[in-house]
């Protein structure tokens, strides 16, 4: 595992056999596996905030349903413990949904992963 997430994002496409045109869902989910829990929680908060209540109840097998109530009262608050409990598949489904609904959020997340976690990985 590398300590440079930008390199990790680049390598994820190669290691997972992804074409350059493949949606970034797998790369982001893989990168989120390498970041520290507080950063993972912040990034998941951004993804969850971009999803409506109905989708929160469905995406990732309902893993994010508990944020429906929180989202109606303000910004959802994914804790570091919640972020650690989210599986790569659940995160991948969430990223895939957000990418379809609002591709700019995912594009910004990719940029932020590239700049924020230069060595914040564990």
N, C-alpha and C. Protein backbone atom coordinates (compact mmCIF):
# COMPACT_ATOMS: atom_id res chain seq x y z
N UNK A 1 0.85 -1.18 0.00
CA UNK A 1 0.00 0.00 0.00
C UNK A 1 0.89 1.24 0.00
N UNK A 2 0.46 2.24 -0.71
CA UNK A 2 1.26 3.44 -0.84
C UNK A 2 0.79 4.52 0.12
N UNK A 3 1.65 5.46 0.46
CA UNK A 3 1.28 6.58 1.31
C UNK A 3 0.84 7.78 0.51
N UNK A 4 0.89 7.73 -0.80
CA UNK A 4 0.49 8.84 -1.65
C UNK A 4 -0.80 8.48 -2.36
N UNK A 5 -1.91 9.10 -1.94
CA UNK A 5 -3.22 8.74 -2.49
C UNK A 5 -3.35 9.08 -3.96
N UNK A 6 -2.66 10.12 -4.42
CA UNK A 6 -2.75 10.43 -5.85
C UNK A 6 -2.15 9.27 -6.65
N UNK A 7 -1.05 8.74 -6.16
CA UNK A 7 -0.47 7.57 -6.81
C UNK A 7 -1.38 6.37 -6.65
N UNK A 8 -2.01 6.26 -5.49
CA UNK A 8 -2.93 5.15 -5.24
C UNK A 8 -4.11 5.19 -6.21
N UNK A 9 -4.66 6.39 -6.46
CA UNK A 9 -5.76 6.52 -7.41
C UNK A 9 -5.31 6.12 -8.81
N UNK A 10 -4.10 6.53 -9.20
CA UNK A 10 -3.58 6.15 -10.50
C UNK A 10 -3.36 4.64 -10.58
N UNK A 11 -2.77 4.08 -9.53
CA UNK A 11 -2.48 2.65 -9.51
C UNK A 11 -3.74 1.79 -9.43
N UNK A 12 -4.82 2.32 -8.84
CA UNK A 12 -6.06 1.54 -8.68
C UNK A 12 -6.60 1.10 -10.02
N UNK A 13 -6.52 1.97 -11.02
CA UNK A 13 -7.01 1.59 -12.34
C UNK A 13 -6.19 0.44 -12.91
N UNK A 14 -4.90 0.48 -12.69
CA UNK A 14 -4.02 -0.57 -13.21
C UNK A 14 -4.24 -1.87 -12.43
N UNK A 15 -4.18 -1.79 -11.10
CA UNK A 15 -4.30 -2.97 -10.25
C UNK A 15 -5.65 -3.65 -10.39
N UNK A 16 -6.71 -2.86 -10.56
CA UNK A 16 -8.05 -3.44 -10.67
C UNK A 16 -8.41 -3.75 -12.10
N UNK A 17 -7.51 -3.48 -13.03
CA UNK A 17 -7.77 -3.76 -14.44
C UNK A 17 -8.82 -2.84 -15.02
N UNK A 18 -8.87 -1.61 -14.56
CA UNK A 18 -9.87 -0.66 -15.04
C UNK A 18 -9.34 0.09 -16.24
N UNK A 19 -10.23 0.31 -17.20
CA UNK A 19 -9.89 1.14 -18.35
C UNK A 19 -9.92 2.59 -17.91
N UNK A 20 -9.24 3.43 -18.65
CA UNK A 20 -9.21 4.86 -18.32
C UNK A 20 -10.61 5.46 -18.36
N UNK A 21 -11.51 4.87 -19.15
CA UNK A 21 -12.87 5.40 -19.27
C UNK A 21 -13.82 4.86 -18.20
N UNK A 22 -13.33 3.98 -17.34
CA UNK A 22 -14.16 3.40 -16.28
C UNK A 22 -14.54 4.48 -15.28
N UNK A 23 -15.80 4.48 -14.84
CA UNK A 23 -16.19 5.45 -13.80
C UNK A 23 -15.29 5.30 -12.57
N UNK A 24 -15.08 6.39 -11.85
CA UNK A 24 -14.12 6.38 -10.75
C UNK A 24 -14.60 5.68 -9.48
N UNK A 25 -15.75 5.02 -9.52
CA UNK A 25 -16.31 4.41 -8.31
C UNK A 25 -15.33 3.47 -7.62
N UNK A 26 -14.72 2.58 -8.38
CA UNK A 26 -13.79 1.63 -7.77
C UNK A 26 -12.54 2.31 -7.26
N UNK A 27 -12.04 3.28 -8.01
CA UNK A 27 -10.83 3.98 -7.58
C UNK A 27 -11.09 4.75 -6.30
N UNK A 28 -12.24 5.44 -6.21
CA UNK A 28 -12.54 6.21 -5.00
C UNK A 28 -12.76 5.27 -3.83
N UNK A 29 -13.53 4.21 -4.02
CA UNK A 29 -13.76 3.25 -2.93
C UNK A 29 -12.44 2.67 -2.45
N UNK A 30 -11.55 2.35 -3.37
CA UNK A 30 -10.24 1.81 -3.00
C UNK A 30 -9.41 2.85 -2.26
N UNK A 31 -9.45 4.08 -2.74
CA UNK A 31 -8.68 5.15 -2.09
C UNK A 31 -9.22 5.42 -0.69
N UNK A 32 -10.54 5.36 -0.53
CA UNK A 32 -11.12 5.60 0.79
C UNK A 32 -10.73 4.51 1.78
N UNK A 33 -10.34 3.36 1.29
CA UNK A 33 -9.86 2.30 2.17
C UNK A 33 -8.50 2.66 2.77
N UNK A 34 -7.73 3.49 2.06
CA UNK A 34 -6.36 3.79 2.52
C UNK A 34 -6.27 5.03 3.38
N UNK A 35 -7.30 5.86 3.42
CA UNK A 35 -7.20 7.11 4.18
C UNK A 35 -7.54 6.88 5.65
N UNK A 36 -7.10 7.80 6.49
CA UNK A 36 -7.37 7.68 7.91
C UNK A 36 -8.87 7.89 8.18
N UNK A 37 -9.39 7.34 9.28
CA UNK A 37 -10.83 7.39 9.55
C UNK A 37 -11.45 8.80 9.56
N UNK A 38 -10.81 9.81 10.14
CA UNK A 38 -11.44 11.14 10.10
C UNK A 38 -11.60 11.69 8.67
N UNK A 39 -10.59 11.49 7.82
CA UNK A 39 -10.69 11.94 6.43
C UNK A 39 -11.75 11.13 5.70
N UNK A 40 -11.77 9.83 5.92
CA UNK A 40 -12.79 8.98 5.30
C UNK A 40 -14.18 9.45 5.71
N UNK A 41 -14.37 9.80 6.97
CA UNK A 41 -15.66 10.29 7.45
C UNK A 41 -16.04 11.60 6.76
N UNK A 42 -15.08 12.51 6.64
CA UNK A 42 -15.37 13.80 5.98
C UNK A 42 -15.78 13.59 4.53
N UNK A 43 -15.08 12.71 3.82
CA UNK A 43 -15.40 12.47 2.42
C UNK A 43 -16.74 11.75 2.28
N UNK A 44 -17.01 10.80 3.18
CA UNK A 44 -18.32 10.15 3.14
C UNK A 44 -19.44 11.13 3.46
N UNK A 45 -19.20 12.06 4.37
CA UNK A 45 -20.19 13.09 4.66
C UNK A 45 -20.56 13.86 3.40
N UNK A 46 -19.57 14.18 2.59
CA UNK A 46 -19.83 14.91 1.35
C UNK A 46 -20.66 14.08 0.39
N UNK A 47 -20.37 12.79 0.32
CA UNK A 47 -21.14 11.92 -0.57
C UNK A 47 -22.58 11.77 -0.07
N UNK A 48 -22.73 11.53 1.23
CA UNK A 48 -24.06 11.34 1.81
C UNK A 48 -24.90 12.62 1.66
N UNK A 49 -24.26 13.77 1.81
CA UNK A 49 -24.98 15.04 1.69
C UNK A 49 -25.51 15.27 0.28
N UNK A 50 -24.91 14.61 -0.71
CA UNK A 50 -25.34 14.77 -2.10
C UNK A 50 -26.46 13.82 -2.49
N UNK A 51 -26.93 13.02 -1.55
CA UNK A 51 -27.94 12.00 -1.83
C UNK A 51 -29.25 12.35 -1.13
N UNK A 52 -30.35 12.16 -1.82
CA UNK A 52 -31.66 12.42 -1.24
C UNK A 52 -32.06 11.33 -0.26
N UNK A 53 -33.11 11.59 0.52
CA UNK A 53 -33.54 10.64 1.56
C UNK A 53 -33.91 9.26 1.03
N UNK A 54 -34.61 9.19 -0.08
CA UNK A 54 -35.01 7.88 -0.60
C UNK A 54 -33.78 7.07 -1.01
N UNK A 55 -32.85 7.71 -1.67
CA UNK A 55 -31.64 7.01 -2.09
C UNK A 55 -30.81 6.56 -0.90
N UNK A 56 -30.77 7.37 0.16
CA UNK A 56 -30.03 6.97 1.36
C UNK A 56 -30.57 5.67 1.93
N UNK A 57 -31.87 5.47 1.80
CA UNK A 57 -32.50 4.26 2.33
C UNK A 57 -32.23 3.04 1.46
N UNK A 58 -31.81 3.25 0.22
CA UNK A 58 -31.66 2.14 -0.72
C UNK A 58 -30.19 1.85 -1.06
N UNK A 59 -29.41 2.89 -1.30
CA UNK A 59 -28.02 2.72 -1.74
C UNK A 59 -27.22 1.95 -0.71
N UNK A 60 -26.39 1.06 -1.19
CA UNK A 60 -25.52 0.28 -0.30
C UNK A 60 -26.29 -0.67 0.58
N UNK A 61 -27.43 -1.16 0.09
CA UNK A 61 -28.24 -2.09 0.86
C UNK A 61 -28.84 -1.44 2.10
N UNK A 62 -29.04 -0.12 2.05
CA UNK A 62 -29.63 0.58 3.19
C UNK A 62 -28.63 0.96 4.27
N UNK A 63 -27.34 0.78 3.99
CA UNK A 63 -26.31 1.06 4.99
C UNK A 63 -26.29 2.53 5.42
N UNK A 64 -26.79 3.40 4.57
CA UNK A 64 -26.75 4.83 4.86
C UNK A 64 -28.12 5.37 5.28
N UNK A 65 -29.08 4.47 5.53
CA UNK A 65 -30.44 4.87 5.87
C UNK A 65 -30.51 5.68 7.16
N UNK A 66 -29.61 5.43 8.08
CA UNK A 66 -29.66 6.16 9.35
C UNK A 66 -29.39 7.65 9.17
N UNK A 67 -28.88 8.05 8.02
CA UNK A 67 -28.61 9.45 7.77
C UNK A 67 -29.82 10.20 7.22
N UNK A 68 -30.90 9.49 6.92
CA UNK A 68 -32.11 10.14 6.41
C UNK A 68 -32.63 11.14 7.44
N UNK A 69 -32.75 10.73 8.67
CA UNK A 69 -33.26 11.60 9.72
C UNK A 69 -32.29 12.76 9.97
N UNK A 70 -31.01 12.47 9.97
CA UNK A 70 -30.01 13.52 10.18
C UNK A 70 -30.00 14.51 9.03
N UNK A 71 -30.18 14.01 7.79
CA UNK A 71 -30.15 14.88 6.61
C UNK A 71 -31.32 15.86 6.62
N UNK A 72 -32.46 15.46 7.16
CA UNK A 72 -33.60 16.36 7.18
C UNK A 72 -33.41 17.49 8.19
N UNK A 73 -32.57 17.28 9.18
CA UNK A 73 -32.33 18.30 10.19
C UNK A 73 -31.05 19.08 9.97
N UNK A 74 -30.41 18.88 8.87
CA UNK A 74 -29.14 19.56 8.59
C UNK A 74 -28.20 18.61 7.89
N UNK A 75 -26.95 18.91 7.94
CA UNK A 75 -25.96 18.08 7.27
C UNK A 75 -25.81 16.74 7.98
N UNK A 76 -25.70 15.67 7.22
CA UNK A 76 -25.49 14.36 7.85
C UNK A 76 -24.13 14.32 8.52
N UNK A 77 -24.04 13.54 9.57
CA UNK A 77 -22.78 13.47 10.31
C UNK A 77 -22.30 12.02 10.37
N UNK A 78 -21.45 11.66 9.42
CA UNK A 78 -20.85 10.34 9.42
C UNK A 78 -19.68 10.37 10.38
N UNK A 79 -19.74 9.55 11.40
CA UNK A 79 -18.64 9.50 12.37
C UNK A 79 -17.50 8.67 11.81
N UNK A 80 -16.35 8.77 12.45
CA UNK A 80 -15.20 7.95 12.05
C UNK A 80 -15.52 6.47 12.21
N UNK A 81 -16.30 6.13 13.25
CA UNK A 81 -16.70 4.73 13.45
C UNK A 81 -17.62 4.26 12.34
N UNK A 82 -18.59 5.12 11.94
CA UNK A 82 -19.49 4.78 10.84
C UNK A 82 -18.71 4.61 9.54
N UNK A 83 -17.76 5.51 9.33
CA UNK A 83 -16.95 5.45 8.12
C UNK A 83 -16.13 4.17 8.07
N UNK A 84 -15.60 3.77 9.21
CA UNK A 84 -14.81 2.54 9.26
C UNK A 84 -15.68 1.31 9.02
N UNK A 85 -16.94 1.39 9.41
CA UNK A 85 -17.84 0.25 9.26
C UNK A 85 -18.38 0.09 7.85
N UNK A 86 -18.34 1.15 7.06
CA UNK A 86 -18.85 1.08 5.68
C UNK A 86 -17.91 0.21 4.85
N UNK A 87 -18.49 -0.75 4.15
CA UNK A 87 -17.68 -1.64 3.32
C UNK A 87 -17.31 -0.95 2.01
N UNK A 88 -16.31 -1.48 1.35
CA UNK A 88 -15.89 -0.95 0.05
C UNK A 88 -17.04 -1.02 -0.94
N UNK A 89 -17.82 -2.08 -0.88
CA UNK A 89 -18.96 -2.22 -1.81
C UNK A 89 -20.01 -1.14 -1.54
N UNK A 90 -20.31 -0.88 -0.28
CA UNK A 90 -21.29 0.15 0.06
C UNK A 90 -20.81 1.52 -0.41
N UNK A 91 -19.54 1.81 -0.19
CA UNK A 91 -18.97 3.08 -0.63
C UNK A 91 -19.01 3.17 -2.14
N UNK A 92 -18.66 2.09 -2.82
CA UNK A 92 -18.67 2.07 -4.29
C UNK A 92 -20.08 2.34 -4.81
N UNK A 93 -21.10 1.74 -4.20
CA UNK A 93 -22.48 1.98 -4.62
C UNK A 93 -22.89 3.43 -4.38
N UNK A 94 -22.46 3.98 -3.26
CA UNK A 94 -22.76 5.38 -2.95
C UNK A 94 -22.10 6.30 -3.96
N UNK A 95 -20.83 6.07 -4.25
CA UNK A 95 -20.11 6.90 -5.22
C UNK A 95 -20.77 6.77 -6.60
N UNK A 96 -21.14 5.56 -6.98
CA UNK A 96 -21.78 5.33 -8.28
C UNK A 96 -23.09 6.11 -8.37
N UNK A 97 -23.88 6.07 -7.32
CA UNK A 97 -25.15 6.80 -7.32
C UNK A 97 -24.90 8.31 -7.43
N UNK A 98 -23.99 8.82 -6.63
CA UNK A 98 -23.69 10.26 -6.64
C UNK A 98 -23.15 10.66 -8.01
N UNK A 99 -22.34 9.80 -8.61
CA UNK A 99 -21.78 10.12 -9.92
C UNK A 99 -22.89 10.25 -10.96
N UNK A 100 -23.90 9.41 -10.87
CA UNK A 100 -25.02 9.50 -11.81
C UNK A 100 -25.87 10.73 -11.54
N UNK A 101 -26.10 11.03 -10.27
CA UNK A 101 -26.97 12.14 -9.89
C UNK A 101 -26.28 13.50 -10.04
N UNK A 102 -25.00 13.56 -9.68
CA UNK A 102 -24.28 14.83 -9.70
C UNK A 102 -22.80 14.56 -9.94
N UNK A 103 -22.41 14.40 -11.20
CA UNK A 103 -21.02 14.06 -11.51
C UNK A 103 -19.99 15.07 -10.99
N UNK A 104 -20.41 16.30 -10.81
CA UNK A 104 -19.47 17.31 -10.31
C UNK A 104 -19.01 17.01 -8.89
N UNK A 105 -19.88 16.43 -8.08
CA UNK A 105 -19.50 16.07 -6.71
C UNK A 105 -18.39 15.04 -6.74
N UNK A 106 -18.52 14.04 -7.59
CA UNK A 106 -17.50 12.99 -7.68
C UNK A 106 -16.21 13.54 -8.27
N UNK A 107 -16.32 14.41 -9.26
CA UNK A 107 -15.12 15.02 -9.84
C UNK A 107 -14.37 15.83 -8.78
N UNK A 108 -15.12 16.58 -7.98
CA UNK A 108 -14.49 17.37 -6.91
C UNK A 108 -13.87 16.46 -5.85
N UNK A 109 -14.56 15.36 -5.55
CA UNK A 109 -14.03 14.40 -4.57
C UNK A 109 -12.72 13.81 -5.07
N UNK A 110 -12.64 13.49 -6.36
CA UNK A 110 -11.40 12.96 -6.92
C UNK A 110 -10.28 13.98 -6.78
N UNK A 111 -10.58 15.25 -7.07
CA UNK A 111 -9.58 16.31 -6.92
C UNK A 111 -9.14 16.43 -5.48
N UNK A 112 -10.10 16.41 -4.57
CA UNK A 112 -9.78 16.57 -3.16
C UNK A 112 -8.96 15.40 -2.63
N UNK A 113 -9.30 14.20 -3.07
CA UNK A 113 -8.48 13.04 -2.66
C UNK A 113 -7.06 13.21 -3.15
N UNK A 114 -6.94 13.74 -4.34
CA UNK A 114 -5.61 13.93 -4.93
C UNK A 114 -4.79 14.95 -4.16
N UNK A 115 -5.45 16.00 -3.63
CA UNK A 115 -4.71 17.06 -2.94
C UNK A 115 -4.69 16.91 -1.43
N UNK A 116 -5.80 16.47 -0.82
CA UNK A 116 -5.89 16.43 0.64
C UNK A 116 -5.07 15.34 1.28
N UNK A 117 -4.96 14.22 0.63
CA UNK A 117 -4.32 13.11 1.34
C UNK A 117 -2.96 12.77 0.74
N UNK A 118 -2.16 13.80 0.54
CA UNK A 118 -0.83 13.56 0.02
C UNK A 118 -0.05 12.58 0.87
N UNK A 119 -0.22 12.65 2.17
CA UNK A 119 0.39 11.66 3.05
C UNK A 119 -0.47 11.44 4.28
N UNK A 120 -1.79 11.60 4.15
CA UNK A 120 -2.67 11.38 5.27
C UNK A 120 -3.16 9.95 5.33
N UNK A 121 -2.59 9.10 4.52
CA UNK A 121 -3.02 7.71 4.48
C UNK A 121 -2.41 6.91 5.61
N UNK A 122 -3.06 5.80 5.90
CA UNK A 122 -2.51 4.91 6.92
C UNK A 122 -2.19 3.60 6.28
